[in-house]
Amino acid sequence: MKRQTLMLIVPFLIAGCGPSLAQLRMRAGLDLECPGNGLAVQDVDPATKLVSGCGRRAIYVENFNDSRHPGWLLNSEIRPSREVAGK
């Protein structure tokens, strides 16, 4: 019985250990000079996100340098979004 309970709980604990989407929106909002609710977030892979908004886009990766305070790290240049670049 205990093993079954652990098997159900462990995935939720692991999933909750990474940086949050709210943290990503806060960081990207500052970098892209755009309010968090004006940002679109796309998965590149499980640890990488493409964030776009206000005519700009950037790539962020999960950062676990200090496991007590995981966060998001800017991993690209801030570039014009494709919609703006094509105009």
N, C-alpha and C. Protein backbone atom coordinates (compact mmCIF):
# COMPACT_ATOMS: atom_id res chain seq x y z
N MET A 1 0.82 -1.20 0.00
CA MET A 1 0.00 0.00 0.00
C MET A 1 0.86 1.27 0.00
N LYS A 2 1.92 1.29 0.80
CA LYS A 2 2.78 2.47 0.86
C LYS A 2 3.48 2.71 -0.47
N ARG A 3 3.90 1.65 -1.13
CA ARG A 3 4.59 1.80 -2.41
C ARG A 3 3.65 2.41 -3.46
N GLN A 4 2.40 1.98 -3.48
CA GLN A 4 1.43 2.53 -4.43
C GLN A 4 1.19 4.01 -4.16
N THR A 5 1.12 4.38 -2.91
CA THR A 5 0.93 5.78 -2.55
C THR A 5 2.11 6.62 -3.03
N LEU A 6 3.32 6.13 -2.80
CA LEU A 6 4.51 6.86 -3.26
C LEU A 6 4.53 7.00 -4.78
N MET A 7 4.12 5.96 -5.48
CA MET A 7 4.11 6.01 -6.94
C MET A 7 3.13 7.06 -7.44
N LEU A 8 2.09 7.33 -6.69
CA LEU A 8 1.12 8.35 -7.08
C LEU A 8 1.59 9.76 -6.71
N ILE A 9 2.30 9.89 -5.61
CA ILE A 9 2.71 11.20 -5.11
C ILE A 9 3.99 11.71 -5.77
N VAL A 10 4.96 10.87 -6.02
CA VAL A 10 6.27 11.29 -6.52
C VAL A 10 6.17 12.11 -7.82
N PRO A 11 5.40 11.72 -8.83
CA PRO A 11 5.33 12.54 -10.04
C PRO A 11 4.86 13.97 -9.77
N PHE A 12 3.95 14.15 -8.83
CA PHE A 12 3.47 15.50 -8.50
C PHE A 12 4.55 16.31 -7.79
N LEU A 13 5.33 15.66 -6.95
CA LEU A 13 6.42 16.35 -6.28
C LEU A 13 7.49 16.78 -7.26
N ILE A 14 7.83 15.91 -8.19
CA ILE A 14 8.85 16.22 -9.19
C ILE A 14 8.37 17.36 -10.09
N ALA A 15 7.13 17.29 -10.52
CA ALA A 15 6.58 18.32 -11.40
C ALA A 15 6.56 19.69 -10.74
N GLY A 16 6.43 19.73 -9.42
CA GLY A 16 6.36 21.00 -8.71
C GLY A 16 7.71 21.58 -8.36
N CYS A 17 8.80 20.95 -8.73
CA CYS A 17 10.13 21.40 -8.33
C CYS A 17 10.75 22.43 -9.27
N GLY A 18 10.23 22.61 -10.44
CA GLY A 18 10.82 23.52 -11.41
C GLY A 18 10.30 24.93 -11.28
N PRO A 19 10.86 25.84 -12.07
CA PRO A 19 10.38 27.21 -12.06
C PRO A 19 8.96 27.28 -12.63
N SER A 20 8.20 28.24 -12.18
CA SER A 20 6.80 28.33 -12.58
C SER A 20 6.62 29.18 -13.84
N LEU A 21 5.46 29.02 -14.45
CA LEU A 21 5.10 29.83 -15.61
C LEU A 21 4.95 31.30 -15.21
N ALA A 22 4.48 31.55 -13.99
CA ALA A 22 4.37 32.92 -13.50
C ALA A 22 5.75 33.58 -13.41
N GLN A 23 6.76 32.81 -12.96
CA GLN A 23 8.13 33.33 -12.91
C GLN A 23 8.63 33.66 -14.31
N LEU A 24 8.32 32.79 -15.26
CA LEU A 24 8.74 33.02 -16.65
C LEU A 24 8.10 34.29 -17.19
N ARG A 25 6.81 34.46 -16.97
CA ARG A 25 6.12 35.66 -17.46
C ARG A 25 6.69 36.93 -16.82
N MET A 26 7.04 36.88 -15.55
CA MET A 26 7.62 38.04 -14.88
C MET A 26 8.98 38.38 -15.49
N ARG A 27 9.83 37.38 -15.64
CA ARG A 27 11.18 37.60 -16.19
C ARG A 27 11.11 38.07 -17.64
N ALA A 28 10.32 37.38 -18.46
CA ALA A 28 10.21 37.74 -19.87
C ALA A 28 9.57 39.11 -20.03
N GLY A 29 8.61 39.42 -19.18
CA GLY A 29 7.98 40.74 -19.25
C GLY A 29 8.98 41.86 -19.05
N LEU A 30 9.91 41.66 -18.13
CA LEU A 30 10.96 42.66 -17.92
C LEU A 30 11.91 42.74 -19.12
N ASP A 31 12.35 41.57 -19.60
CA ASP A 31 13.30 41.54 -20.72
C ASP A 31 12.70 42.07 -22.01
N LEU A 32 11.44 41.72 -22.28
CA LEU A 32 10.81 42.10 -23.54
C LEU A 32 10.06 43.43 -23.43
N GLU A 33 10.09 44.02 -22.24
CA GLU A 33 9.37 45.27 -21.99
C GLU A 33 7.91 45.14 -22.39
N CYS A 34 7.27 44.12 -21.85
CA CYS A 34 5.90 43.77 -22.21
C CYS A 34 5.20 43.23 -20.97
N PRO A 35 3.93 43.60 -20.73
CA PRO A 35 3.24 43.04 -19.57
C PRO A 35 3.07 41.53 -19.69
N GLY A 36 3.13 40.83 -18.57
CA GLY A 36 3.04 39.37 -18.57
C GLY A 36 1.81 38.83 -19.26
N ASN A 37 0.68 39.54 -19.16
CA ASN A 37 -0.53 39.04 -19.81
C ASN A 37 -0.52 39.28 -21.32
N GLY A 38 0.49 39.99 -21.83
CA GLY A 38 0.63 40.21 -23.27
C GLY A 38 1.61 39.26 -23.92
N LEU A 39 2.05 38.24 -23.16
CA LEU A 39 3.06 37.31 -23.66
C LEU A 39 2.44 35.98 -24.06
N ALA A 40 2.97 35.39 -25.12
CA ALA A 40 2.60 34.04 -25.54
C ALA A 40 3.80 33.13 -25.25
N VAL A 41 3.54 31.96 -24.68
CA VAL A 41 4.60 31.03 -24.31
C VAL A 41 4.39 29.73 -25.08
N GLN A 42 5.45 29.29 -25.76
CA GLN A 42 5.42 28.03 -26.51
C GLN A 42 6.51 27.11 -25.99
N ASP A 43 6.20 25.82 -25.89
CA ASP A 43 7.21 24.84 -25.51
C ASP A 43 8.13 24.55 -26.69
N VAL A 44 9.43 24.61 -26.44
CA VAL A 44 10.42 24.16 -27.42
C VAL A 44 10.76 22.70 -27.08
N ASP A 45 11.00 22.46 -25.80
CA ASP A 45 11.16 21.12 -25.24
C ASP A 45 10.77 21.24 -23.77
N PRO A 46 10.83 20.17 -22.98
CA PRO A 46 10.35 20.27 -21.60
C PRO A 46 11.04 21.34 -20.74
N ALA A 47 12.25 21.72 -21.06
CA ALA A 47 12.98 22.70 -20.24
C ALA A 47 13.22 24.02 -20.96
N THR A 48 12.65 24.21 -22.14
CA THR A 48 12.91 25.40 -22.94
C THR A 48 11.60 25.99 -23.44
N LYS A 49 11.48 27.33 -23.33
CA LYS A 49 10.27 28.02 -23.77
C LYS A 49 10.62 29.17 -24.71
N LEU A 50 9.78 29.37 -25.72
CA LEU A 50 9.86 30.53 -26.60
C LEU A 50 8.77 31.49 -26.14
N VAL A 51 9.17 32.71 -25.79
CA VAL A 51 8.22 33.71 -25.30
C VAL A 51 8.19 34.85 -26.30
N SER A 52 6.98 35.27 -26.69
CA SER A 52 6.85 36.39 -27.61
C SER A 52 5.75 37.33 -27.13
N GLY A 53 5.95 38.60 -27.45
CA GLY A 53 4.97 39.61 -27.09
C GLY A 53 5.51 41.00 -27.36
N CYS A 54 4.60 41.94 -27.64
CA CYS A 54 4.95 43.34 -27.89
C CYS A 54 6.00 43.48 -28.99
N GLY A 55 5.93 42.61 -30.00
CA GLY A 55 6.82 42.69 -31.14
C GLY A 55 8.20 42.10 -30.94
N ARG A 56 8.42 41.39 -29.82
CA ARG A 56 9.72 40.80 -29.55
C ARG A 56 9.55 39.34 -29.17
N ARG A 57 10.68 38.60 -29.26
CA ARG A 57 10.66 37.19 -28.84
C ARG A 57 12.02 36.81 -28.28
N ALA A 58 12.02 35.81 -27.41
CA ALA A 58 13.25 35.33 -26.79
C ALA A 58 13.04 33.89 -26.31
N ILE A 59 14.15 33.19 -26.12
CA ILE A 59 14.11 31.81 -25.64
C ILE A 59 14.65 31.77 -24.22
N TYR A 60 13.97 31.01 -23.37
CA TYR A 60 14.34 30.84 -21.97
C TYR A 60 14.51 29.37 -21.65
N VAL A 61 15.46 29.07 -20.77
CA VAL A 61 15.67 27.70 -20.30
C VAL A 61 15.54 27.68 -18.78
N GLU A 62 15.12 26.53 -18.26
CA GLU A 62 15.05 26.36 -16.82
C GLU A 62 16.44 26.44 -16.24
N ASN A 63 16.58 27.09 -15.09
CA ASN A 63 17.87 27.25 -14.43
C ASN A 63 17.77 26.67 -13.03
N PHE A 64 18.58 25.64 -12.76
CA PHE A 64 18.57 24.97 -11.46
C PHE A 64 19.90 25.14 -10.74
N ASN A 65 20.56 26.30 -10.86
CA ASN A 65 21.85 26.50 -10.17
C ASN A 65 21.70 26.36 -8.66
N ASP A 66 20.62 26.84 -8.13
CA ASP A 66 20.34 26.72 -6.71
C ASP A 66 18.97 26.06 -6.61
N SER A 67 18.93 24.79 -6.28
CA SER A 67 17.68 24.03 -6.35
C SER A 67 16.59 24.59 -5.44
N ARG A 68 16.94 25.41 -4.47
CA ARG A 68 15.92 26.02 -3.62
C ARG A 68 15.22 27.17 -4.32
N HIS A 69 15.85 27.73 -5.37
CA HIS A 69 15.30 28.88 -6.07
C HIS A 69 15.45 28.70 -7.59
N PRO A 70 14.76 27.73 -8.17
CA PRO A 70 14.86 27.56 -9.63
C PRO A 70 14.25 28.77 -10.34
N GLY A 71 14.72 29.04 -11.52
CA GLY A 71 14.21 30.17 -12.27
C GLY A 71 14.38 29.96 -13.76
N TRP A 72 14.22 31.02 -14.51
CA TRP A 72 14.34 31.00 -15.97
C TRP A 72 15.51 31.86 -16.39
N LEU A 73 16.27 31.39 -17.35
CA LEU A 73 17.46 32.08 -17.83
C LEU A 73 17.27 32.43 -19.31
N LEU A 74 17.48 33.69 -19.65
CA LEU A 74 17.42 34.12 -21.05
C LEU A 74 18.52 33.40 -21.81
N ASN A 75 18.17 32.71 -22.91
CA ASN A 75 19.12 31.87 -23.63
C ASN A 75 19.22 32.25 -25.10
N SER A 76 18.87 33.47 -25.44
CA SER A 76 18.96 33.94 -26.82
C SER A 76 19.02 35.45 -26.81
N GLU A 77 19.26 36.00 -27.97
CA GLU A 77 19.11 37.44 -28.13
C GLU A 77 17.62 37.76 -28.14
N ILE A 78 17.27 38.96 -27.73
CA ILE A 78 15.89 39.40 -27.87
C ILE A 78 15.77 39.91 -29.30
N ARG A 79 14.87 39.30 -30.05
CA ARG A 79 14.72 39.61 -31.47
C ARG A 79 13.32 40.08 -31.77
N PRO A 80 13.15 40.75 -32.91
CA PRO A 80 11.78 41.09 -33.33
C PRO A 80 11.00 39.80 -33.59
N SER A 81 9.72 39.81 -33.24
CA SER A 81 8.91 38.62 -33.53
C SER A 81 8.76 38.49 -35.02
N ARG A 82 8.48 37.30 -35.48
CA ARG A 82 8.40 37.03 -36.92
C ARG A 82 7.31 37.86 -37.58
N GLU A 83 6.20 38.09 -36.86
CA GLU A 83 5.11 38.88 -37.45
C GLU A 83 5.59 40.30 -37.74
N VAL A 84 6.35 40.89 -36.80
CA VAL A 84 6.85 42.26 -36.97
C VAL A 84 7.96 42.28 -38.01
N ALA A 85 8.86 41.29 -37.99
CA ALA A 85 10.00 41.25 -38.91
C ALA A 85 9.52 41.12 -40.36
N GLY A 86 8.38 40.49 -40.58
CA GLY A 86 7.88 40.29 -41.94
C GLY A 86 7.18 41.49 -42.51
N LYS A 87 6.87 42.50 -41.70
CA LYS A 87 6.13 43.69 -42.17
C LYS A 87 7.04 44.68 -42.86
